[in-house]
Amino acid sequence: MANKIRKFFADIALEAKRIAWPKRRNLVESTLVVIVFIVILAVVILACDKAIELFLDLVLGKGN
């Protein structure tokens, strides 16, 4: 049992050495793309929320 566990962790270490890690520049660029996308999505959701709120205020006669 202990040999299987030892082999399992040795295999994990071997696989970790094969990983092709991204270069710092690629990582920074990808991170910026994700952050920009999240900000744009947040603005779109906010605009939709405000449009729905305005529509409901007009329909239900609130805000006067």
Protein backbone atom coordinates (compact mmCIF):
# COMPACT_ATOMS: atom_id res chain seq x y z
CA MET A 1 0.00 0.00 0.00
CA ALA A 2 2.78 2.46 0.93
CA ASN A 3 4.60 1.65 -2.33
CA LYS A 4 1.49 2.51 -4.34
CA ILE A 5 1.16 5.84 -2.54
CA ARG A 6 4.86 6.60 -3.07
CA LYS A 7 4.58 5.73 -6.78
CA PHE A 8 1.45 7.86 -7.08
CA PHE A 9 3.24 10.95 -5.73
CA ALA A 10 6.34 10.19 -7.83
CA ASP A 11 4.12 10.08 -10.93
CA ILE A 12 2.58 13.41 -9.93
CA ALA A 13 6.04 14.97 -9.62
CA LEU A 14 7.02 13.56 -13.02
CA GLU A 15 3.87 14.96 -14.67
CA ALA A 16 4.42 18.35 -13.01
CA LYS A 17 7.82 18.56 -14.71
CA ARG A 18 6.16 18.07 -18.11
CA ILE A 19 3.80 21.02 -17.70
CA ALA A 20 4.42 23.80 -20.21
CA TRP A 21 4.05 26.87 -18.00
CA PRO A 22 3.12 30.13 -19.75
CA LYS A 23 5.65 32.92 -20.03
CA ARG A 24 5.13 35.90 -17.74
CA ARG A 25 4.09 38.16 -20.65
CA ASN A 26 1.42 35.68 -21.81
CA LEU A 27 0.13 35.33 -18.26
CA VAL A 28 -0.11 39.11 -17.80
CA GLU A 29 -1.85 39.55 -21.17
CA SER A 30 -4.36 36.80 -20.41
CA THR A 31 -5.04 38.26 -16.99
CA LEU A 32 -5.65 41.70 -18.47
CA VAL A 33 -8.03 40.25 -21.07
CA VAL A 34 -10.01 38.55 -18.32
CA ILE A 35 -10.14 41.70 -16.18
CA VAL A 36 -11.25 43.86 -19.13
CA PHE A 37 -13.90 41.30 -20.06
CA ILE A 38 -15.23 41.24 -16.48
CA VAL A 39 -15.42 45.05 -16.37
CA ILE A 40 -17.24 45.19 -19.72
CA LEU A 41 -19.64 42.45 -18.61
CA ALA A 42 -20.30 44.29 -15.34
CA VAL A 43 -21.12 47.50 -17.24
CA VAL A 44 -23.48 45.62 -19.59
CA ILE A 45 -25.25 43.95 -16.67
CA LEU A 46 -25.54 47.29 -14.87
CA ALA A 47 -27.01 48.92 -17.98
CA CYS A 48 -29.52 46.08 -18.39
CA ASP A 49 -30.46 46.30 -14.72
CA LYS A 50 -31.01 50.05 -14.92
CA ALA A 51 -33.03 49.70 -18.14
CA ILE A 52 -35.28 47.07 -16.54
CA GLU A 53 -35.61 49.23 -13.42
CA LEU A 54 -36.61 52.25 -15.55
CA PHE A 55 -39.09 50.16 -17.54
CA LEU A 56 -40.69 48.79 -14.37
CA ASP A 57 -40.88 52.27 -12.85
CA LEU A 58 -42.68 53.51 -15.95
CA VAL A 59 -45.07 50.53 -16.07
CA LEU A 60 -45.83 50.50 -12.36
CA GLY A 61 -45.98 54.31 -12.08
CA LYS A 62 -43.31 54.63 -9.42
CA GLY A 63 -40.75 57.39 -9.16
CA ASN A 64 -43.21 60.27 -9.50
